[in-house]
Structure formats: structure tokens, C-alpha cells
Amino acid sequence: MAKRKKSKYKHVEIQKKKYYFCKITWDDILGDSGHADVEEFSKMIPARMVTHAYIFSKDKKLLRTFASYDTSSESFSDRNVIPTGCIVKIEKINV
């Protein structure tokens, strides 16, 4: 009998579906409502954000993540939806 290969990536299994834990690096909008001169305005760049979460789903437009879940039902909390165009890198976390 062949042994089943264990996943080397951290994940949870909910209702027989695996969700992988990842480090997601993404760019967020940076805004300011104050006055600024040309030099100060030219130095503004998006904020580089890092999110550690489980990937719920990903398609061409959106990445959906969660960080908390109910162990007795299919219920998710600490949820985010990030436009895929803002994502710089997604790295699965090793066990």
C-alpha cells in the first residue's frame, strides 16, 4: 500500500477543501488630503503591504483571503479582497 505524500505547505482542510497559508505582498493606495508642493507630491508612492492569510480563492481580478475560521462549520473571518493587479508576490508558507 503506497503512503500518501504529505503536503509540505501549511494549510487547513475545511469541508474536504484545502486552503493554503501564504505571505502576500501587495501595493496599497496611498492618499493625502493636505497641501503639498511638487517635490513632496512627486515622492509619494503606494504603500507596500504584507498579509499573512489563507487563500480562499483567486481569479484574474480578485484574491480572497481569510485568517480565522470556525472549526465546526464552513465559516470564515478576518477576510480581505485584494485586486490581483495590486499583488506583487504570493509565497506559500512551508510547514
N, C-alpha and C. Protein backbone atom coordinates (compact mmCIF):
# COMPACT_ATOMS: atom_id res chain seq x y z
N MET A 1 0.84 -1.18 0.00
CA MET A 1 0.00 0.00 0.00
C MET A 1 0.89 1.25 0.00
N ALA A 2 0.69 2.11 -0.96
CA ALA A 2 1.50 3.32 -1.07
C ALA A 2 1.09 4.35 -0.02
N LYS A 3 2.10 5.00 0.56
CA LYS A 3 1.81 6.06 1.53
C LYS A 3 1.43 7.33 0.80
N ARG A 4 0.48 8.04 1.38
CA ARG A 4 0.07 9.32 0.81
C ARG A 4 1.10 10.38 1.13
N LYS A 5 1.52 11.14 0.15
CA LYS A 5 2.52 12.18 0.34
C LYS A 5 1.89 13.35 1.10
N LYS A 6 2.55 13.76 2.18
CA LYS A 6 2.05 14.89 2.96
C LYS A 6 2.44 16.19 2.27
N SER A 7 1.57 17.18 2.37
CA SER A 7 1.85 18.50 1.79
C SER A 7 2.97 19.15 2.60
N LYS A 8 3.92 19.76 1.91
CA LYS A 8 5.00 20.45 2.61
C LYS A 8 4.62 21.91 2.93
N TYR A 9 3.43 22.32 2.54
CA TYR A 9 2.98 23.68 2.79
C TYR A 9 1.91 23.71 3.88
N LYS A 10 1.95 24.76 4.70
CA LYS A 10 0.96 24.92 5.76
C LYS A 10 -0.42 25.14 5.15
N HIS A 11 -1.41 24.41 5.67
CA HIS A 11 -2.77 24.54 5.14
C HIS A 11 -3.77 24.06 6.19
N VAL A 12 -5.03 24.38 5.95
CA VAL A 12 -6.13 23.83 6.74
C VAL A 12 -7.08 23.14 5.77
N GLU A 13 -7.81 22.15 6.27
CA GLU A 13 -8.80 21.47 5.44
C GLU A 13 -10.17 21.73 6.06
N ILE A 14 -11.06 22.35 5.28
CA ILE A 14 -12.41 22.68 5.73
C ILE A 14 -13.38 22.10 4.71
N GLN A 15 -14.29 21.26 5.18
CA GLN A 15 -15.26 20.60 4.29
C GLN A 15 -14.56 19.94 3.11
N LYS A 16 -13.47 19.23 3.39
CA LYS A 16 -12.70 18.47 2.41
C LYS A 16 -11.99 19.32 1.35
N LYS A 17 -11.85 20.62 1.61
CA LYS A 17 -11.12 21.50 0.70
C LYS A 17 -9.92 22.08 1.44
N LYS A 18 -8.75 22.07 0.77
CA LYS A 18 -7.52 22.61 1.37
C LYS A 18 -7.39 24.10 1.06
N TYR A 19 -7.00 24.84 2.09
CA TYR A 19 -6.71 26.27 1.95
C TYR A 19 -5.27 26.48 2.41
N TYR A 20 -4.44 27.04 1.54
CA TYR A 20 -3.02 27.20 1.84
C TYR A 20 -2.73 28.55 2.48
N PHE A 21 -1.81 28.52 3.46
CA PHE A 21 -1.39 29.72 4.18
C PHE A 21 -0.26 30.37 3.39
N CYS A 22 -0.38 31.66 3.12
CA CYS A 22 0.58 32.34 2.26
C CYS A 22 0.99 33.70 2.82
N LYS A 23 2.13 34.16 2.33
CA LYS A 23 2.58 35.53 2.55
C LYS A 23 2.29 36.27 1.25
N ILE A 24 1.42 37.27 1.33
CA ILE A 24 1.00 38.01 0.15
C ILE A 24 1.58 39.42 0.23
N THR A 25 2.37 39.80 -0.75
CA THR A 25 2.93 41.15 -0.83
C THR A 25 2.15 41.90 -1.89
N TRP A 26 1.65 43.08 -1.51
CA TRP A 26 0.79 43.82 -2.44
C TRP A 26 0.95 45.32 -2.22
N ASP A 27 0.60 46.10 -3.24
CA ASP A 27 0.67 47.56 -3.18
C ASP A 27 -0.70 48.14 -2.89
N ASP A 28 -0.73 49.05 -1.91
CA ASP A 28 -1.98 49.69 -1.50
C ASP A 28 -1.94 51.17 -1.89
N ILE A 29 -3.10 51.71 -2.15
CA ILE A 29 -3.20 53.13 -2.50
C ILE A 29 -2.72 53.98 -1.33
N LEU A 30 -1.99 55.03 -1.63
CA LEU A 30 -1.58 55.99 -0.62
C LEU A 30 -2.25 57.32 -0.97
N GLY A 31 -2.98 57.88 -0.02
CA GLY A 31 -3.68 59.14 -0.26
C GLY A 31 -3.32 60.17 0.79
N ASP A 32 -3.55 61.41 0.44
CA ASP A 32 -3.29 62.51 1.36
C ASP A 32 -4.21 63.66 0.96
N SER A 33 -4.88 64.25 1.93
CA SER A 33 -5.80 65.35 1.61
C SER A 33 -5.21 66.72 1.93
N GLY A 34 -3.95 66.73 2.36
CA GLY A 34 -3.30 68.00 2.70
C GLY A 34 -2.65 68.66 1.48
N HIS A 35 -2.14 69.86 1.70
CA HIS A 35 -1.42 70.59 0.65
C HIS A 35 0.01 70.06 0.54
N ALA A 36 0.53 70.04 -0.68
CA ALA A 36 1.90 69.59 -0.91
C ALA A 36 2.45 70.29 -2.15
N ASP A 37 3.76 70.55 -2.12
CA ASP A 37 4.39 71.13 -3.29
C ASP A 37 4.76 70.00 -4.27
N VAL A 38 5.28 70.36 -5.42
CA VAL A 38 5.59 69.40 -6.48
C VAL A 38 6.59 68.36 -5.99
N GLU A 39 7.63 68.79 -5.28
CA GLU A 39 8.67 67.86 -4.81
C GLU A 39 8.08 66.82 -3.85
N GLU A 40 7.29 67.27 -2.88
CA GLU A 40 6.69 66.35 -1.91
C GLU A 40 5.70 65.40 -2.60
N PHE A 41 4.89 65.94 -3.50
CA PHE A 41 3.91 65.13 -4.23
C PHE A 41 4.60 64.07 -5.08
N SER A 42 5.70 64.43 -5.72
CA SER A 42 6.44 63.51 -6.59
C SER A 42 7.05 62.34 -5.83
N LYS A 43 7.27 62.50 -4.53
CA LYS A 43 7.87 61.44 -3.71
C LYS A 43 6.85 60.43 -3.20
N MET A 44 5.56 60.70 -3.39
CA MET A 44 4.53 59.76 -2.91
C MET A 44 4.53 58.49 -3.74
N ILE A 45 4.51 57.35 -3.06
CA ILE A 45 4.43 56.04 -3.72
C ILE A 45 3.42 55.18 -2.96
N PRO A 46 2.87 54.16 -3.61
CA PRO A 46 1.95 53.27 -2.89
C PRO A 46 2.64 52.60 -1.70
N ALA A 47 1.85 52.22 -0.71
CA ALA A 47 2.37 51.52 0.45
C ALA A 47 2.56 50.04 0.08
N ARG A 48 3.72 49.47 0.38
CA ARG A 48 3.98 48.05 0.14
C ARG A 48 3.51 47.29 1.38
N MET A 49 2.47 46.48 1.21
CA MET A 49 1.83 45.78 2.32
C MET A 49 2.16 44.29 2.28
N VAL A 50 2.14 43.65 3.46
CA VAL A 50 2.32 42.21 3.57
C VAL A 50 1.16 41.66 4.39
N THR A 51 0.49 40.66 3.84
CA THR A 51 -0.62 40.00 4.52
C THR A 51 -0.28 38.51 4.64
N HIS A 52 -0.43 37.96 5.84
CA HIS A 52 -0.28 36.52 6.06
C HIS A 52 -1.69 35.97 6.27
N ALA A 53 -2.13 35.09 5.36
CA ALA A 53 -3.51 34.60 5.43
C ALA A 53 -3.66 33.34 4.58
N TYR A 54 -4.79 32.69 4.76
CA TYR A 54 -5.16 31.55 3.92
C TYR A 54 -5.82 32.07 2.66
N ILE A 55 -5.52 31.45 1.51
CA ILE A 55 -6.13 31.83 0.23
C ILE A 55 -7.48 31.12 0.13
N PHE A 56 -8.55 31.89 0.05
CA PHE A 56 -9.89 31.32 -0.14
C PHE A 56 -10.13 31.06 -1.63
N SER A 57 -9.84 32.09 -2.45
CA SER A 57 -9.99 31.93 -3.90
C SER A 57 -9.16 32.99 -4.62
N LYS A 58 -8.85 32.70 -5.88
CA LYS A 58 -8.10 33.65 -6.71
C LYS A 58 -8.55 33.47 -8.15
N ASP A 59 -8.82 34.60 -8.82
CA ASP A 59 -9.12 34.56 -10.24
C ASP A 59 -8.37 35.70 -10.91
N LYS A 60 -8.72 36.03 -12.15
CA LYS A 60 -7.99 37.06 -12.89
C LYS A 60 -8.13 38.44 -12.26
N LYS A 61 -9.22 38.68 -11.52
CA LYS A 61 -9.48 40.02 -10.98
C LYS A 61 -9.24 40.16 -9.48
N LEU A 62 -9.53 39.09 -8.70
CA LEU A 62 -9.53 39.23 -7.24
C LEU A 62 -8.87 38.06 -6.53
N LEU A 63 -8.24 38.38 -5.40
CA LEU A 63 -7.72 37.39 -4.47
C LEU A 63 -8.50 37.55 -3.17
N ARG A 64 -9.10 36.46 -2.69
CA ARG A 64 -9.87 36.48 -1.44
C ARG A 64 -9.11 35.69 -0.39
N THR A 65 -8.92 36.30 0.80
CA THR A 65 -8.18 35.66 1.87
C THR A 65 -8.98 35.66 3.17
N PHE A 66 -8.58 34.77 4.09
CA PHE A 66 -9.14 34.77 5.45
C PHE A 66 -8.02 34.37 6.42
N ALA A 67 -8.15 34.81 7.65
CA ALA A 67 -7.15 34.48 8.66
C ALA A 67 -7.73 33.65 9.80
N SER A 68 -9.04 33.68 9.97
CA SER A 68 -9.70 32.92 11.03
C SER A 68 -10.84 32.11 10.43
N TYR A 69 -11.16 30.98 11.09
CA TYR A 69 -12.23 30.12 10.60
C TYR A 69 -12.83 29.34 11.76
N ASP A 70 -14.06 28.91 11.58
CA ASP A 70 -14.78 28.12 12.57
C ASP A 70 -14.43 26.65 12.34
N THR A 71 -14.04 25.95 13.39
CA THR A 71 -13.64 24.54 13.24
C THR A 71 -14.82 23.59 13.08
N SER A 72 -16.03 24.06 13.37
CA SER A 72 -17.19 23.17 13.29
C SER A 72 -18.13 23.49 12.13
N SER A 73 -17.82 24.53 11.36
CA SER A 73 -18.66 24.85 10.20
C SER A 73 -17.82 25.57 9.14
N GLU A 74 -18.41 25.76 7.99
CA GLU A 74 -17.72 26.46 6.91
C GLU A 74 -17.98 27.96 7.05
N SER A 75 -17.27 28.57 8.00
CA SER A 75 -17.46 29.99 8.32
C SER A 75 -16.09 30.65 8.46
N PHE A 76 -15.90 31.82 7.82
CA PHE A 76 -14.60 32.48 7.74
C PHE A 76 -14.68 33.90 8.32
N SER A 77 -13.56 34.35 8.93
CA SER A 77 -13.46 35.71 9.48
C SER A 77 -12.13 36.34 9.08
N ASP A 78 -11.95 37.60 9.45
CA ASP A 78 -10.73 38.35 9.11
C ASP A 78 -10.45 38.24 7.61
N ARG A 79 -11.45 38.63 6.82
CA ARG A 79 -11.42 38.45 5.37
C ARG A 79 -10.94 39.71 4.65
N ASN A 80 -10.25 39.50 3.54
CA ASN A 80 -9.81 40.58 2.67
C ASN A 80 -10.05 40.20 1.22
N VAL A 81 -10.29 41.20 0.39
CA VAL A 81 -10.37 41.01 -1.06
C VAL A 81 -9.39 42.01 -1.67
N ILE A 82 -8.40 41.49 -2.40
CA ILE A 82 -7.34 42.33 -2.96
C ILE A 82 -7.40 42.21 -4.49
N PRO A 83 -7.44 43.33 -5.22
CA PRO A 83 -7.38 43.25 -6.68
C PRO A 83 -6.06 42.59 -7.12
N THR A 84 -6.11 41.63 -8.04
CA THR A 84 -4.89 40.92 -8.44
C THR A 84 -3.86 41.85 -9.07
N GLY A 85 -4.30 42.95 -9.65
CA GLY A 85 -3.36 43.91 -10.23
C GLY A 85 -2.47 44.58 -9.20
N CYS A 86 -2.85 44.53 -7.93
CA CYS A 86 -2.07 45.12 -6.84
C CYS A 86 -1.08 44.14 -6.23
N ILE A 87 -1.21 42.87 -6.56
CA ILE A 87 -0.39 41.84 -5.93
C ILE A 87 0.99 41.79 -6.58
N VAL A 88 2.01 41.86 -5.74
CA VAL A 88 3.40 41.80 -6.19
C VAL A 88 3.91 40.36 -6.16
N LYS A 89 3.57 39.61 -5.07
CA LYS A 89 4.09 38.25 -4.91
C LYS A 89 3.22 37.47 -3.93
N ILE A 90 3.05 36.17 -4.20
CA ILE A 90 2.38 35.26 -3.29
C ILE A 90 3.33 34.10 -3.02
N GLU A 91 3.62 33.85 -1.73
CA GLU A 91 4.52 32.77 -1.34
C GLU A 91 3.80 31.83 -0.39
N LYS A 92 3.74 30.54 -0.74
CA LYS A 92 3.20 29.55 0.18
C LYS A 92 4.19 29.38 1.34
N ILE A 93 3.66 29.19 2.55
CA ILE A 93 4.49 29.03 3.73
C ILE A 93 4.75 27.54 3.96
N ASN A 94 6.02 27.18 4.13
CA ASN A 94 6.40 25.79 4.42
C ASN A 94 6.01 25.41 5.83
N VAL A 95 5.76 24.12 6.01
CA VAL A 95 5.43 23.60 7.35
C VAL A 95 6.68 23.59 8.19
